Amino acid sequence: MADLALDFGDAVQRTAHDLASMEGVDLAKARPAVVRLWEARGLALHHLSAGDMAEALKVMAHATGGAR
């Protein structure tokens, strides 16, 4: 089970880096807060792909301080 969690975490991180890269953001050089925001976007995208809009919205609300 730990391998599955690690694989999912890796997938979310890869998604975050891919999304950021599409927008011209290099997460290797970004501040930790910026990396966390992009990782939240990656996690939200995974929730959306699983059909869970409510969880995606919760992730983004938490990541943006409830601004969304």
N, C-alpha and C. Protein backbone atom coordinates (compact mmCIF):
# COMPACT_ATOMS: atom_id res chain seq x y z
N MET A 1 0.83 -1.20 0.00
CA MET A 1 0.00 0.00 0.00
C MET A 1 0.87 1.26 0.00
N ALA A 2 2.00 1.21 0.70
CA ALA A 2 2.89 2.36 0.73
C ALA A 2 3.42 2.68 -0.67
N ASP A 3 3.64 1.63 -1.47
CA ASP A 3 4.11 1.85 -2.84
C ASP A 3 3.06 2.58 -3.67
N LEU A 4 1.80 2.24 -3.47
CA LEU A 4 0.73 2.90 -4.19
C LEU A 4 0.66 4.38 -3.82
N ALA A 5 0.79 4.69 -2.53
CA ALA A 5 0.76 6.09 -2.08
C ALA A 5 1.95 6.85 -2.65
N LEU A 6 3.12 6.21 -2.66
CA LEU A 6 4.32 6.84 -3.21
C LEU A 6 4.14 7.08 -4.70
N ASP A 7 3.60 6.09 -5.42
CA ASP A 7 3.37 6.25 -6.85
C ASP A 7 2.39 7.37 -7.13
N PHE A 8 1.32 7.47 -6.33
CA PHE A 8 0.35 8.54 -6.52
C PHE A 8 0.99 9.89 -6.25
N GLY A 9 1.78 9.97 -5.18
CA GLY A 9 2.48 11.22 -4.87
C GLY A 9 3.43 11.62 -5.98
N ASP A 10 4.12 10.64 -6.54
CA ASP A 10 5.02 10.92 -7.66
C ASP A 10 4.23 11.40 -8.88
N ALA A 11 3.07 10.78 -9.11
CA ALA A 11 2.24 11.18 -10.25
C ALA A 11 1.74 12.60 -10.08
N VAL A 12 1.32 12.96 -8.88
CA VAL A 12 0.85 14.32 -8.62
C VAL A 12 1.99 15.31 -8.83
N GLN A 13 3.16 14.97 -8.33
CA GLN A 13 4.31 15.86 -8.49
C GLN A 13 4.68 16.01 -9.97
N ARG A 14 4.67 14.92 -10.72
CA ARG A 14 4.97 15.01 -12.16
C ARG A 14 3.92 15.86 -12.86
N THR A 15 2.66 15.68 -12.50
CA THR A 15 1.60 16.49 -13.10
C THR A 15 1.82 17.96 -12.80
N ALA A 16 2.17 18.26 -11.55
CA ALA A 16 2.43 19.65 -11.16
C ALA A 16 3.55 20.25 -11.99
N HIS A 17 4.63 19.52 -12.15
CA HIS A 17 5.77 20.01 -12.93
C HIS A 17 5.38 20.20 -14.40
N ASP A 18 4.58 19.27 -14.93
CA ASP A 18 4.15 19.39 -16.32
C ASP A 18 3.25 20.61 -16.51
N LEU A 19 2.28 20.80 -15.61
CA LEU A 19 1.39 21.96 -15.70
C LEU A 19 2.18 23.27 -15.60
N ALA A 20 3.07 23.33 -14.63
CA ALA A 20 3.87 24.55 -14.45
C ALA A 20 4.74 24.81 -15.68
N SER A 21 5.31 23.75 -16.21
CA SER A 21 6.16 23.89 -17.39
C SER A 21 5.38 24.46 -18.58
N MET A 22 4.12 24.02 -18.73
CA MET A 22 3.28 24.54 -19.82
C MET A 22 3.06 26.05 -19.68
N GLU A 23 3.12 26.54 -18.45
CA GLU A 23 2.93 27.97 -18.19
C GLU A 23 4.26 28.72 -18.09
N GLY A 24 5.36 28.01 -18.34
CA GLY A 24 6.67 28.65 -18.32
C GLY A 24 7.28 28.80 -16.93
N VAL A 25 6.79 28.02 -15.97
CA VAL A 25 7.29 28.09 -14.60
C VAL A 25 8.21 26.89 -14.35
N ASP A 26 9.42 27.17 -13.89
CA ASP A 26 10.37 26.11 -13.56
C ASP A 26 10.30 25.87 -12.05
N LEU A 27 9.65 24.78 -11.66
CA LEU A 27 9.47 24.51 -10.23
C LEU A 27 10.77 24.18 -9.52
N ALA A 28 11.79 23.80 -10.26
CA ALA A 28 13.09 23.53 -9.64
C ALA A 28 13.70 24.81 -9.08
N LYS A 29 13.28 25.95 -9.63
CA LYS A 29 13.82 27.25 -9.19
C LYS A 29 12.80 28.07 -8.41
N ALA A 30 11.61 27.53 -8.24
CA ALA A 30 10.52 28.29 -7.62
C ALA A 30 10.59 28.24 -6.09
N ARG A 31 9.95 29.23 -5.48
CA ARG A 31 9.84 29.25 -4.01
C ARG A 31 8.93 28.11 -3.56
N PRO A 32 9.11 27.64 -2.32
CA PRO A 32 8.29 26.53 -1.82
C PRO A 32 6.78 26.79 -1.90
N ALA A 33 6.35 28.01 -1.67
CA ALA A 33 4.92 28.31 -1.74
C ALA A 33 4.39 28.15 -3.16
N VAL A 34 5.19 28.51 -4.14
CA VAL A 34 4.79 28.37 -5.54
C VAL A 34 4.71 26.88 -5.90
N VAL A 35 5.69 26.12 -5.44
CA VAL A 35 5.69 24.67 -5.69
C VAL A 35 4.44 24.04 -5.08
N ARG A 36 4.11 24.42 -3.84
CA ARG A 36 2.92 23.85 -3.18
C ARG A 36 1.65 24.18 -3.96
N LEU A 37 1.55 25.38 -4.48
CA LEU A 37 0.37 25.76 -5.25
C LEU A 37 0.25 24.92 -6.52
N TRP A 38 1.37 24.74 -7.22
CA TRP A 38 1.32 23.92 -8.43
C TRP A 38 1.04 22.45 -8.10
N GLU A 39 1.56 21.97 -6.98
CA GLU A 39 1.27 20.60 -6.57
C GLU A 39 -0.21 20.45 -6.22
N ALA A 40 -0.80 21.48 -5.64
CA ALA A 40 -2.24 21.45 -5.36
C ALA A 40 -3.02 21.39 -6.67
N ARG A 41 -2.59 22.14 -7.65
CA ARG A 41 -3.25 22.10 -8.95
C ARG A 41 -3.15 20.71 -9.57
N GLY A 42 -1.98 20.09 -9.43
CA GLY A 42 -1.81 18.73 -9.93
C GLY A 42 -2.73 17.75 -9.22
N LEU A 43 -2.82 17.88 -7.89
CA LEU A 43 -3.71 17.01 -7.12
C LEU A 43 -5.16 17.24 -7.51
N ALA A 44 -5.55 18.49 -7.68
CA ALA A 44 -6.92 18.80 -8.08
C ALA A 44 -7.22 18.20 -9.45
N LEU A 45 -6.27 18.25 -10.36
CA LEU A 45 -6.48 17.67 -11.68
C LEU A 45 -6.68 16.16 -11.59
N HIS A 46 -5.94 15.50 -10.72
CA HIS A 46 -6.13 14.06 -10.53
C HIS A 46 -7.52 13.77 -9.97
N HIS A 47 -7.98 14.59 -9.04
CA HIS A 47 -9.34 14.41 -8.52
C HIS A 47 -10.38 14.62 -9.61
N LEU A 48 -10.16 15.63 -10.44
CA LEU A 48 -11.09 15.87 -11.54
C LEU A 48 -11.12 14.69 -12.51
N SER A 49 -9.95 14.14 -12.79
CA SER A 49 -9.91 13.01 -13.73
C SER A 49 -10.60 11.79 -13.16
N ALA A 50 -10.70 11.72 -11.84
CA ALA A 50 -11.42 10.62 -11.19
C ALA A 50 -12.91 10.94 -11.04
N GLY A 51 -13.31 12.12 -11.51
CA GLY A 51 -14.71 12.51 -11.45
C GLY A 51 -15.15 13.11 -10.13
N ASP A 52 -14.18 13.56 -9.32
CA ASP A 52 -14.51 14.08 -7.99
C ASP A 52 -14.31 15.60 -7.94
N MET A 53 -15.27 16.32 -8.48
CA MET A 53 -15.20 17.78 -8.51
C MET A 53 -15.17 18.39 -7.12
N ALA A 54 -15.94 17.82 -6.20
CA ALA A 54 -16.00 18.37 -4.84
C ALA A 54 -14.63 18.33 -4.17
N GLU A 55 -13.92 17.23 -4.34
CA GLU A 55 -12.59 17.12 -3.72
C GLU A 55 -11.60 18.05 -4.41
N ALA A 56 -11.70 18.19 -5.72
CA ALA A 56 -10.82 19.11 -6.45
C ALA A 56 -11.03 20.54 -5.96
N LEU A 57 -12.29 20.92 -5.76
CA LEU A 57 -12.58 22.27 -5.25
C LEU A 57 -12.05 22.46 -3.84
N LYS A 58 -12.15 21.42 -3.00
CA LYS A 58 -11.62 21.52 -1.64
C LYS A 58 -10.10 21.72 -1.66
N VAL A 59 -9.42 20.96 -2.51
CA VAL A 59 -7.97 21.08 -2.61
C VAL A 59 -7.58 22.50 -3.00
N MET A 60 -8.25 23.04 -4.03
CA MET A 60 -7.90 24.38 -4.49
C MET A 60 -8.30 25.46 -3.48
N ALA A 61 -9.42 25.27 -2.79
CA ALA A 61 -9.81 26.25 -1.77
C ALA A 61 -8.77 26.28 -0.65
N HIS A 62 -8.31 25.12 -0.26
CA HIS A 62 -7.29 25.06 0.79
C HIS A 62 -5.98 25.68 0.32
N ALA A 63 -5.60 25.38 -0.91
CA ALA A 63 -4.32 25.87 -1.44
C ALA A 63 -4.31 27.38 -1.64
N THR A 64 -5.48 27.94 -1.91
CA THR A 64 -5.53 29.39 -2.18
C THR A 64 -6.09 30.16 -0.99
N GLY A 65 -6.19 29.52 0.15
CA GLY A 65 -6.69 30.19 1.33
C GLY A 65 -8.18 30.46 1.29
N GLY A 66 -8.90 29.63 0.56
CA GLY A 66 -10.35 29.79 0.48
C GLY A 66 -10.80 30.84 -0.50
N ALA A 67 -9.88 31.34 -1.33
CA ALA A 67 -10.22 32.39 -2.27
C ALA A 67 -11.04 31.88 -3.44
N ARG A 68 -11.08 30.56 -3.65
CA ARG A 68 -11.83 30.00 -4.79
C ARG A 68 -13.00 29.21 -4.33
